[in-house]
Every structure is written in C-alpha cells, then in structure tokens.
Amino acid sequence: MPKYVMWGSYCDRVLEKREPFRQAHLAGIKQQKEAGLIVTIGPTADLSKVFAIYDAPDAETVRRAIESDPYWQHGIWTEYEVKEWIQAF
C-alpha cells in the first residue's frame, strides 16, 4: 500500500486553543492507528508544524482522515499538504 506524508501548520497559541479538542483528537488518532491507517504523527519541537505518515490506498483517504480530525475542524491545524512518499529504506 502506498505511504503518504502530511505536513501541516498549527494556529497561534496552539497549547491553549487545542485543549477543548485534545481528547477527541487523540481518540481519533488511536482509531486510525488501530486500523493501520496512520503510522506516526506529531508536532515539531517548536509547535509550529505537524508531521504524519499514513498507509493509505490513496491521497483522498488521507485528506478525509485529516479533515475529519477535530484539530482541522476547529482551526488548530491551519493548513496541510499531502504527498505520496517513496520509502527508500
């Protein structure tokens, strides 16, 4: 199955703004992990960007997963880009 990477941006004051949505976000990520859709996800150390790797049949599946996340729906993630990734090693 193809792999996809996602780079996204966080809103300003992310730690404060994400709090009401954090548990729902983490529950959704856990479901995606258990289903084999998401390999890994996390923020950069400065909390400006988010990075994820997905195992998915196509980029549209990844976009649906991102756009159904409470962080996207409530403006915690402000933009994102999905690219198919070729894992060399």
PDB file of N, CA and C in Angstrom:
ATOM      1  N   MET A   1       0.854  -1.174   0.000  1.00  0.00           N
ATOM      2  CA  MET A   1       0.000   0.000   0.000  1.00  0.00           C
ATOM      3  C   MET A   1       0.898   1.235   0.000  1.00  0.00           C
ATOM      4  N   PRO A   2       0.504   2.265  -0.724  1.00  0.00           N
ATOM      5  CA  PRO A   2       1.308   3.491  -0.756  1.00  0.00           C
ATOM      6  C   PRO A   2       1.392   4.149   0.623  1.00  0.00           C
ATOM      7  N   LYS A   3       2.440   4.919   0.800  1.00  0.00           N
ATOM      8  CA  LYS A   3       2.596   5.730   2.004  1.00  0.00           C
ATOM      9  C   LYS A   3       2.464   7.201   1.603  1.00  0.00           C
ATOM     10  N   TYR A   4       1.937   7.979   2.527  1.00  0.00           N
ATOM     11  CA  TYR A   4       1.759   9.415   2.312  1.00  0.00           C
ATOM     12  C   TYR A   4       2.285  10.162   3.518  1.00  0.00           C
ATOM     13  N   VAL A   5       2.894  11.321   3.261  1.00  0.00           N
ATOM     14  CA  VAL A   5       3.309  12.196   4.343  1.00  0.00           C
ATOM     15  C   VAL A   5       2.418  13.428   4.348  1.00  0.00           C
ATOM     16  N   MET A   6       2.198  13.926   5.532  1.00  0.00           N
ATOM     17  CA  MET A   6       1.426  15.153   5.710  1.00  0.00           C
ATOM     18  C   MET A   6       2.263  16.130   6.520  1.00  0.00           C
ATOM     19  N   TRP A   7       2.399  17.337   5.993  1.00  0.00           N
ATOM     20  CA  TRP A   7       2.969  18.457   6.734  1.00  0.00           C
ATOM     21  C   TRP A   7       1.855  19.469   6.893  1.00  0.00           C
ATOM     22  N   GLY A   8       1.675  19.949   8.096  1.00  0.00           N
ATOM     23  CA  GLY A   8       0.656  20.957   8.346  1.00  0.00           C
ATOM     24  C   GLY A   8       1.182  22.017   9.291  1.00  0.00           C
ATOM     25  N   SER A   9       0.392  23.060   9.469  1.00  0.00           N
ATOM     26  CA  SER A   9       0.745  24.160  10.361  1.00  0.00           C
ATOM     27  C   SER A   9      -0.261  24.255  11.490  1.00  0.00           C
ATOM     28  N   TYR A  10       0.226  24.676  12.642  1.00  0.00           N
ATOM     29  CA  TYR A  10      -0.627  24.912  13.807  1.00  0.00           C
ATOM     30  C   TYR A  10      -0.991  26.394  13.902  1.00  0.00           C
ATOM     31  N   CYS A  11      -2.086  26.658  14.566  1.00  0.00           N
ATOM     32  CA  CYS A  11      -2.515  28.019  14.838  1.00  0.00           C
ATOM     33  C   CYS A  11      -1.613  28.645  15.908  1.00  0.00           C
ATOM     34  N   ASP A  12      -1.728  29.929  16.091  1.00  0.00           N
ATOM     35  CA  ASP A  12      -1.057  30.610  17.200  1.00  0.00           C
ATOM     36  C   ASP A  12      -1.681  30.144  18.511  1.00  0.00           C
ATOM     37  N   ARG A  13      -0.882  30.136  19.561  1.00  0.00           N
ATOM     38  CA  ARG A  13      -1.348  29.739  20.904  1.00  0.00           C
ATOM     39  C   ARG A  13      -1.970  28.338  20.882  1.00  0.00           C
ATOM     40  N   VAL A  14      -1.320  27.425  20.187  1.00  0.00           N
ATOM     41  CA  VAL A  14      -1.862  26.078  19.969  1.00  0.00           C
ATOM     42  C   VAL A  14      -2.135  25.340  21.274  1.00  0.00           C
ATOM     43  N   LEU A  15      -1.254  25.447  22.257  1.00  0.00           N
ATOM     44  CA  LEU A  15      -1.453  24.705  23.505  1.00  0.00           C
ATOM     45  C   LEU A  15      -2.750  25.099  24.192  1.00  0.00           C
ATOM     46  N   GLU A  16      -3.050  26.359  24.170  1.00  0.00           N
ATOM     47  CA  GLU A  16      -4.288  26.861  24.774  1.00  0.00           C
ATOM     48  C   GLU A  16      -5.512  26.488  23.934  1.00  0.00           C
ATOM     49  N   LYS A  17      -5.426  26.690  22.632  1.00  0.00           N
ATOM     50  CA  LYS A  17      -6.583  26.504  21.758  1.00  0.00           C
ATOM     51  C   LYS A  17      -6.946  25.035  21.523  1.00  0.00           C
ATOM     52  N   ARG A  18      -5.974  24.142  21.607  1.00  0.00           N
ATOM     53  CA  ARG A  18      -6.265  22.732  21.324  1.00  0.00           C
ATOM     54  C   ARG A  18      -6.950  22.024  22.488  1.00  0.00           C
ATOM     55  N   GLU A  19      -6.833  22.565  23.682  1.00  0.00           N
ATOM     56  CA  GLU A  19      -7.271  21.864  24.888  1.00  0.00           C
ATOM     57  C   GLU A  19      -8.697  21.312  24.809  1.00  0.00           C
ATOM     58  N   PRO A  20      -9.706  22.085  24.362  1.00  0.00           N
ATOM     59  CA  PRO A  20     -11.066  21.532  24.333  1.00  0.00           C
ATOM     60  C   PRO A  20     -11.246  20.357  23.362  1.00  0.00           C
ATOM     61  N   PHE A  21     -10.326  20.199  22.411  1.00  0.00           N
ATOM     62  CA  PHE A  21     -10.462  19.205  21.353  1.00  0.00           C
ATOM     63  C   PHE A  21      -9.441  18.076  21.457  1.00  0.00           C
ATOM     64  N   ARG A  22      -8.553  18.169  22.427  1.00  0.00           N
ATOM     65  CA  ARG A  22      -7.426  17.242  22.513  1.00  0.00           C
ATOM     66  C   ARG A  22      -7.851  15.790  22.697  1.00  0.00           C
ATOM     67  N   GLN A  23      -8.756  15.506  23.605  1.00  0.00           N
ATOM     68  CA  GLN A  23      -9.158  14.118  23.846  1.00  0.00           C
ATOM     69  C   GLN A  23      -9.819  13.501  22.612  1.00  0.00           C
ATOM     70  N   ALA A  24     -10.674  14.252  21.942  1.00  0.00           N
ATOM     71  CA  ALA A  24     -11.314  13.743  20.723  1.00  0.00           C
ATOM     72  C   ALA A  24     -10.275  13.523  19.624  1.00  0.00           C
ATOM     73  N   HIS A  25      -9.311  14.423  19.526  1.00  0.00           N
ATOM     74  CA  HIS A  25      -8.233  14.282  18.547  1.00  0.00           C
ATOM     75  C   HIS A  25      -7.442  13.002  18.816  1.00  0.00           C
ATOM     76  N   LEU A  26      -7.031  12.806  20.063  1.00  0.00           N
ATOM     77  CA  LEU A  26      -6.236  11.627  20.404  1.00  0.00           C
ATOM     78  C   LEU A  26      -7.018  10.333  20.214  1.00  0.00           C
ATOM     79  N   ALA A  27      -8.299  10.355  20.519  1.00  0.00           N
ATOM     80  CA  ALA A  27      -9.138   9.162  20.315  1.00  0.00           C
ATOM     81  C   ALA A  27      -9.215   8.813  18.829  1.00  0.00           C
ATOM     82  N   GLY A  28      -9.356   9.812  17.992  1.00  0.00           N
ATOM     83  CA  GLY A  28      -9.400   9.577  16.548  1.00  0.00           C
ATOM     84  C   GLY A  28      -8.088   9.044  16.008  1.00  0.00           C
ATOM     85  N   ILE A  29      -6.975   9.599  16.489  1.00  0.00           N
ATOM     86  CA  ILE A  29      -5.658   9.120  16.068  1.00  0.00           C
ATOM     87  C   ILE A  29      -5.468   7.667  16.506  1.00  0.00           C
ATOM     88  N   LYS A  30      -5.906   7.340  17.718  1.00  0.00           N
ATOM     89  CA  LYS A  30      -5.804   5.961  18.207  1.00  0.00           C
ATOM     90  C   LYS A  30      -6.582   5.008  17.295  1.00  0.00           C
ATOM     91  N   GLN A  31      -7.787   5.405  16.884  1.00  0.00           N
ATOM     92  CA  GLN A  31      -8.587   4.574  15.979  1.00  0.00           C
ATOM     93  C   GLN A  31      -7.882   4.401  14.634  1.00  0.00           C
ATOM     94  N   GLN A  32      -7.305   5.480  14.114  1.00  0.00           N
ATOM     95  CA  GLN A  32      -6.582   5.392  12.840  1.00  0.00           C
ATOM     96  C   GLN A  32      -5.366   4.472  12.965  1.00  0.00           C
ATOM     97  N   LYS A  33      -4.681   4.534  14.096  1.00  0.00           N
ATOM     98  CA  LYS A  33      -3.508   3.676  14.328  1.00  0.00           C
ATOM     99  C   LYS A  33      -3.947   2.210  14.394  1.00  0.00           C
ATOM    100  N   GLU A  34      -5.008   1.937  15.142  1.00  0.00           N
ATOM    101  CA  GLU A  34      -5.503   0.566  15.260  1.00  0.00           C
ATOM    102  C   GLU A  34      -5.985   0.012  13.926  1.00  0.00           C
ATOM    103  N   ALA A  35      -6.508   0.862  13.057  1.00  0.00           N
ATOM    104  CA  ALA A  35      -6.970   0.454  11.735  1.00  0.00           C
ATOM    105  C   ALA A  35      -5.828   0.318  10.733  1.00  0.00           C
ATOM    106  N   GLY A  36      -4.616   0.743  11.128  1.00  0.00           N
ATOM    107  CA  GLY A  36      -3.473   0.651  10.229  1.00  0.00           C
ATOM    108  C   GLY A  36      -3.355   1.804   9.261  1.00  0.00           C
ATOM    109  N   LEU A  37      -4.142   2.853   9.448  1.00  0.00           N
ATOM    110  CA  LEU A  37      -4.100   3.994   8.523  1.00  0.00           C
ATOM    111  C   LEU A  37      -2.922   4.912   8.817  1.00  0.00           C
ATOM    112  N   ILE A  38      -2.713   5.227  10.079  1.00  0.00           N
ATOM    113  CA  ILE A  38      -1.650   6.167  10.429  1.00  0.00           C
ATOM    114  C   ILE A  38      -0.473   5.408  11.022  1.00  0.00           C
ATOM    115  N   VAL A  39       0.713   5.761  10.573  1.00  0.00           N
ATOM    116  CA  VAL A  39       1.936   5.143  11.073  1.00  0.00           C
ATOM    117  C   VAL A  39       2.455   5.943  12.259  1.00  0.00           C
ATOM    118  N   THR A  40       2.537   7.255  12.090  1.00  0.00           N
ATOM    119  CA  THR A  40       3.028   8.144  13.142  1.00  0.00           C
ATOM    120  C   THR A  40       2.525   9.560  12.887  1.00  0.00           C
ATOM    121  N   ILE A  41       2.454  10.347  13.954  1.00  0.00           N
ATOM    122  CA  ILE A  41       2.053  11.742  13.841  1.00  0.00           C
ATOM    123  C   ILE A  41       2.598  12.493  15.046  1.00  0.00           C
ATOM    124  N   GLY A  42       2.934  13.744  14.845  1.00  0.00           N
ATOM    125  CA  GLY A  42       3.389  14.555  15.965  1.00  0.00           C
ATOM    126  C   GLY A  42       3.817  15.939  15.524  1.00  0.00           C
ATOM    127  N   PRO A  43       3.971  16.817  16.521  1.00  0.00           N
ATOM    128  CA  PRO A  43       4.378  18.191  16.236  1.00  0.00           C
ATOM    129  C   PRO A  43       5.897  18.333  16.174  1.00  0.00           C
ATOM    130  N   THR A  44       6.340  19.410  15.545  1.00  0.00           N
ATOM    131  CA  THR A  44       7.740  19.791  15.652  1.00  0.00           C
ATOM    132  C   THR A  44       7.957  20.359  17.050  1.00  0.00           C
ATOM    133  N   ALA A  45       9.188  20.393  17.488  1.00  0.00           N
ATOM    134  CA  ALA A  45       9.501  20.832  18.853  1.00  0.00           C
ATOM    135  C   ALA A  45       9.018  22.248  19.135  1.00  0.00           C
ATOM    136  N   ASP A  46       8.987  23.097  18.122  1.00  0.00           N
ATOM    137  CA  ASP A  46       8.546  24.479  18.339  1.00  0.00           C
ATOM    138  C   ASP A  46       7.032  24.649  18.204  1.00  0.00           C
ATOM    139  N   LEU A  47       6.317  23.542  18.007  1.00  0.00           N
ATOM    140  CA  LEU A  47       4.846  23.527  17.888  1.00  0.00           C
ATOM    141  C   LEU A  47       4.318  24.397  16.749  1.00  0.00           C
ATOM    142  N   SER A  48       5.104  24.526  15.695  1.00  0.00           N
ATOM    143  CA  SER A  48       4.629  25.297  14.542  1.00  0.00           C
ATOM    144  C   SER A  48       4.094  24.395  13.435  1.00  0.00           C
ATOM    145  N   LYS A  49       4.578  23.153  13.367  1.00  0.00           N
ATOM    146  CA  LYS A  49       4.205  22.226  12.297  1.00  0.00           C
ATOM    147  C   LYS A  49       3.788  20.878  12.874  1.00  0.00           C
ATOM    148  N   VAL A  50       2.988  20.164  12.089  1.00  0.00           N
ATOM    149  CA  VAL A  50       2.625  18.790  12.404  1.00  0.00           C
ATOM    150  C   VAL A  50       3.076  17.925  11.226  1.00  0.00           C
ATOM    151  N   PHE A  51       3.548  16.718  11.529  1.00  0.00           N
ATOM    152  CA  PHE A  51       4.034  15.789  10.528  1.00  0.00           C
ATOM    153  C   PHE A  51       3.382  14.438  10.778  1.00  0.00           C
ATOM    154  N   ALA A  52       2.993  13.757   9.716  1.00  0.00           N
ATOM    155  CA  ALA A  52       2.399  12.435   9.851  1.00  0.00           C
ATOM    156  C   ALA A  52       2.781  11.573   8.658  1.00  0.00           C
ATOM    157  N   ILE A  53       2.779  10.264   8.887  1.00  0.00           N
ATOM    158  CA  ILE A  53       2.952   9.277   7.826  1.00  0.00           C
ATOM    159  C   ILE A  53       1.725   8.373   7.861  1.00  0.00           C
ATOM    160  N   TYR A  54       1.144   8.147   6.700  1.00  0.00           N
ATOM    161  CA  TYR A  54      -0.053   7.314   6.563  1.00  0.00           C
ATOM    162  C   TYR A  54       0.224   6.162   5.610  1.00  0.00           C
ATOM    163  N   ASP A  55      -0.396   5.008   5.881  1.00  0.00           N
ATOM    164  CA  ASP A  55      -0.501   3.895   4.938  1.00  0.00           C
ATOM    165  C   ASP A  55      -1.930   3.952   4.424  1.00  0.00           C
ATOM    166  N   ALA A  56      -2.109   4.307   3.172  1.00  0.00           N
ATOM    167  CA  ALA A  56      -3.471   4.504   2.668  1.00  0.00           C
ATOM    168  C   ALA A  56      -3.537   4.129   1.192  1.00  0.00           C
ATOM    169  N   PRO A  57      -4.709   3.760   0.722  1.00  0.00           N
ATOM    170  CA  PRO A  57      -4.835   3.394  -0.687  1.00  0.00           C
ATOM    171  C   PRO A  57      -4.663   4.579  -1.636  1.00  0.00           C
ATOM    172  N   ASP A  58      -4.949   5.799  -1.137  1.00  0.00           N
ATOM    173  CA  ASP A  58      -4.841   6.984  -1.987  1.00  0.00           C
ATOM    174  C   ASP A  58      -4.803   8.244  -1.124  1.00  0.00           C
ATOM    175  N   ALA A  59      -4.425   9.347  -1.748  1.00  0.00           N
ATOM    176  CA  ALA A  59      -4.312  10.623  -1.035  1.00  0.00           C
ATOM    177  C   ALA A  59      -5.665  11.115  -0.528  1.00  0.00           C
ATOM    178  N   GLU A  60      -6.732  10.795  -1.221  1.00  0.00           N
ATOM    179  CA  GLU A  60      -8.061  11.233  -0.789  1.00  0.00           C
ATOM    180  C   GLU A  60      -8.431  10.623   0.564  1.00  0.00           C
ATOM    181  N   THR A  61      -8.050   9.393   0.798  1.00  0.00           N
ATOM    182  CA  THR A  61      -8.295   8.755   2.098  1.00  0.00           C
ATOM    183  C   THR A  61      -7.579   9.520   3.202  1.00  0.00           C
ATOM    184  N   VAL A  62      -6.358   9.937   2.932  1.00  0.00           N
ATOM    185  CA  VAL A  62      -5.583  10.719   3.903  1.00  0.00           C
ATOM    186  C   VAL A  62      -6.271  12.070   4.142  1.00  0.00           C
ATOM    187  N   ARG A  63      -6.678  12.731   3.083  1.00  0.00           N
ATOM    188  CA  ARG A  63      -7.350  14.041   3.232  1.00  0.00           C
ATOM    189  C   ARG A  63      -8.636  13.913   4.053  1.00  0.00           C
ATOM    190  N   ARG A  64      -9.398  12.858   3.821  1.00  0.00           N
ATOM    191  CA  ARG A  64     -10.625  12.652   4.612  1.00  0.00           C
ATOM    192  C   ARG A  64     -10.292  12.459   6.091  1.00  0.00           C
ATOM    193  N   ALA A  65      -9.237  11.702   6.372  1.00  0.00           N
ATOM    194  CA  ALA A  65      -8.833  11.490   7.764  1.00  0.00           C
ATOM    195  C   ALA A  65      -8.419  12.804   8.416  1.00  0.00           C
ATOM    196  N   ILE A  66      -7.642  13.601   7.716  1.00  0.00           N
ATOM    197  CA  ILE A  66      -7.193  14.889   8.248  1.00  0.00           C
ATOM    198  C   ILE A  66      -8.383  15.814   8.478  1.00  0.00           C
ATOM    199  N   GLU A  67      -9.242  15.912   7.494  1.00  0.00           N
ATOM    200  CA  GLU A  67     -10.349  16.873   7.572  1.00  0.00           C
ATOM    201  C   GLU A  67     -11.461  16.437   8.520  1.00  0.00           C
ATOM    202  N   SER A  68     -11.436  15.175   8.950  1.00  0.00           N
ATOM    203  CA  SER A  68     -12.407  14.733   9.949  1.00  0.00           C
ATOM    204  C   SER A  68     -11.865  14.908  11.369  1.00  0.00           C
ATOM    205  N   ASP A  69     -10.609  15.273  11.484  1.00  0.00           N
ATOM    206  CA  ASP A  69      -9.978  15.451  12.797  1.00  0.00           C
ATOM    207  C   ASP A  69     -10.467  16.755  13.442  1.00  0.00           C
ATOM    208  N   PRO A  70     -10.765  16.726  14.743  1.00  0.00           N
ATOM    209  CA  PRO A  70     -11.199  17.946  15.433  1.00  0.00           C
ATOM    210  C   PRO A  70     -10.182  19.094  15.330  1.00  0.00           C
ATOM    211  N   TYR A  71      -8.898  18.769  15.217  1.00  0.00           N
ATOM    212  CA  TYR A  71      -7.911  19.839  15.088  1.00  0.00           C
ATOM    213  C   TYR A  71      -8.095  20.594  13.767  1.00  0.00           C
ATOM    214  N   TRP A  72      -8.439  19.912  12.715  1.00  0.00           N
ATOM    215  CA  TRP A  72      -8.706  20.589  11.444  1.00  0.00           C
ATOM    216  C   TRP A  72     -10.045  21.327  11.517  1.00  0.00           C
ATOM    217  N   GLN A  73     -11.047  20.661  12.010  1.00  0.00           N
ATOM    218  CA  GLN A  73     -12.395  21.229  12.039  1.00  0.00           C
ATOM    219  C   GLN A  73     -12.497  22.476  12.912  1.00  0.00           C
ATOM    220  N   HIS A  74     -11.616  22.612  13.902  1.00  0.00           N
ATOM    221  CA  HIS A  74     -11.682  23.760  14.813  1.00  0.00           C
ATOM    222  C   HIS A  74     -10.509  24.721  14.650  1.00  0.00           C
ATOM    223  N   GLY A  75      -9.774  24.600  13.545  1.00  0.00           N
ATOM    224  CA  GLY A  75      -8.739  25.583  13.226  1.00  0.00           C
ATOM    225  C   GLY A  75      -7.439  25.445  13.998  1.00  0.00           C
ATOM    226  N   ILE A  76      -7.220  24.313  14.642  1.00  0.00           N
ATOM    227  CA  ILE A  76      -5.946  24.090  15.327  1.00  0.00           C
ATOM    228  C   ILE A  76      -4.859  23.819  14.287  1.00  0.00           C
ATOM    229  N   TRP A  77      -5.180  22.986  13.304  1.00  0.00           N
ATOM    230  CA  TRP A  77      -4.344  22.867  12.107  1.00  0.00           C
ATOM    231  C   TRP A  77      -4.892  23.880  11.112  1.00  0.00           C
ATOM    232  N   THR A  78      -4.027  24.734  10.602  1.00  0.00           N
ATOM    233  CA  THR A  78      -4.494  25.829   9.751  1.00  0.00           C
ATOM    234  C   THR A  78      -4.308  25.568   8.264  1.00  0.00           C
ATOM    235  N   GLU A  79      -3.418  24.651   7.933  1.00  0.00           N
ATOM    236  CA  GLU A  79      -3.194  24.262   6.533  1.00  0.00           C
ATOM    237  C   GLU A  79      -2.459  22.937   6.544  1.00  0.00           C
ATOM    238  N   TYR A  80      -2.532  22.225   5.431  1.00  0.00           N
ATOM    239  CA  TYR A  80      -1.787  20.967   5.334  1.00  0.00           C
ATOM    240  C   TYR A  80      -1.519  20.660   3.872  1.00  0.00           C
ATOM    241  N   GLU A  81      -0.536  19.792   3.682  1.00  0.00           N
ATOM    242  CA  GLU A  81      -0.176  19.305   2.353  1.00  0.00           C
ATOM    243  C   GLU A  81       0.078  17.807   2.460  1.00  0.00           C
ATOM    244  N   VAL A  82      -0.422  17.044   1.516  1.00  0.00           N
ATOM    245  CA  VAL A  82      -0.240  15.594   1.475  1.00  0.00           C
ATOM    246  C   VAL A  82       0.544  15.248   0.212  1.00  0.00           C
ATOM    247  N   LYS A  83       1.573  14.432   0.387  1.00  0.00           N
ATOM    248  CA  LYS A  83       2.382  13.974  -0.740  1.00  0.00           C
ATOM    249  C   LYS A  83       2.581  12.469  -0.632  1.00  0.00           C
ATOM    250  N   GLU A  84       2.511  11.781  -1.767  1.00  0.00           N
ATOM    251  CA  GLU A  84       2.865  10.365  -1.754  1.00  0.00           C
ATOM    252  C   GLU A  84       4.367  10.263  -1.512  1.00  0.00           C
ATOM    253  N   TRP A  85       4.751   9.289  -0.682  1.00  0.00           N
ATOM    254  CA  TRP A  85       6.128   9.152  -0.247  1.00  0.00           C
ATOM    255  C   TRP A  85       6.648   7.797  -0.667  1.00  0.00           C
ATOM    256  N   ILE A  86       7.851   7.774  -1.198  1.00  0.00           N
ATOM    257  CA  ILE A  86       8.511   6.530  -1.560  1.00  0.00           C
ATOM    258  C   ILE A  86       9.532   6.230  -0.475  1.00  0.00           C
ATOM    259  N   GLN A  87       9.272   5.183   0.299  1.00  0.00           N
ATOM    260  CA  GLN A  87      10.157   4.806   1.382  1.00  0.00           C
ATOM    261  C   GLN A  87      11.341   4.045   0.791  1.00  0.00           C
ATOM    262  N   ALA A  88      12.507   4.655   0.785  1.00  0.00           N
ATOM    263  CA  ALA A  88      13.697   4.043   0.188  1.00  0.00           C
ATOM    264  C   ALA A  88      14.328   3.001   1.112  1.00  0.00           C
ATOM    265  N   PHE A  89      14.271   3.234   2.403  1.00  0.00           N
ATOM    266  CA  PHE A  89      14.856   2.299   3.383  1.00  0.00           C
ATOM    267  C   PHE A  89      13.879   2.057   4.489  1.00  0.00           C
TER     268      PHE A  89
END
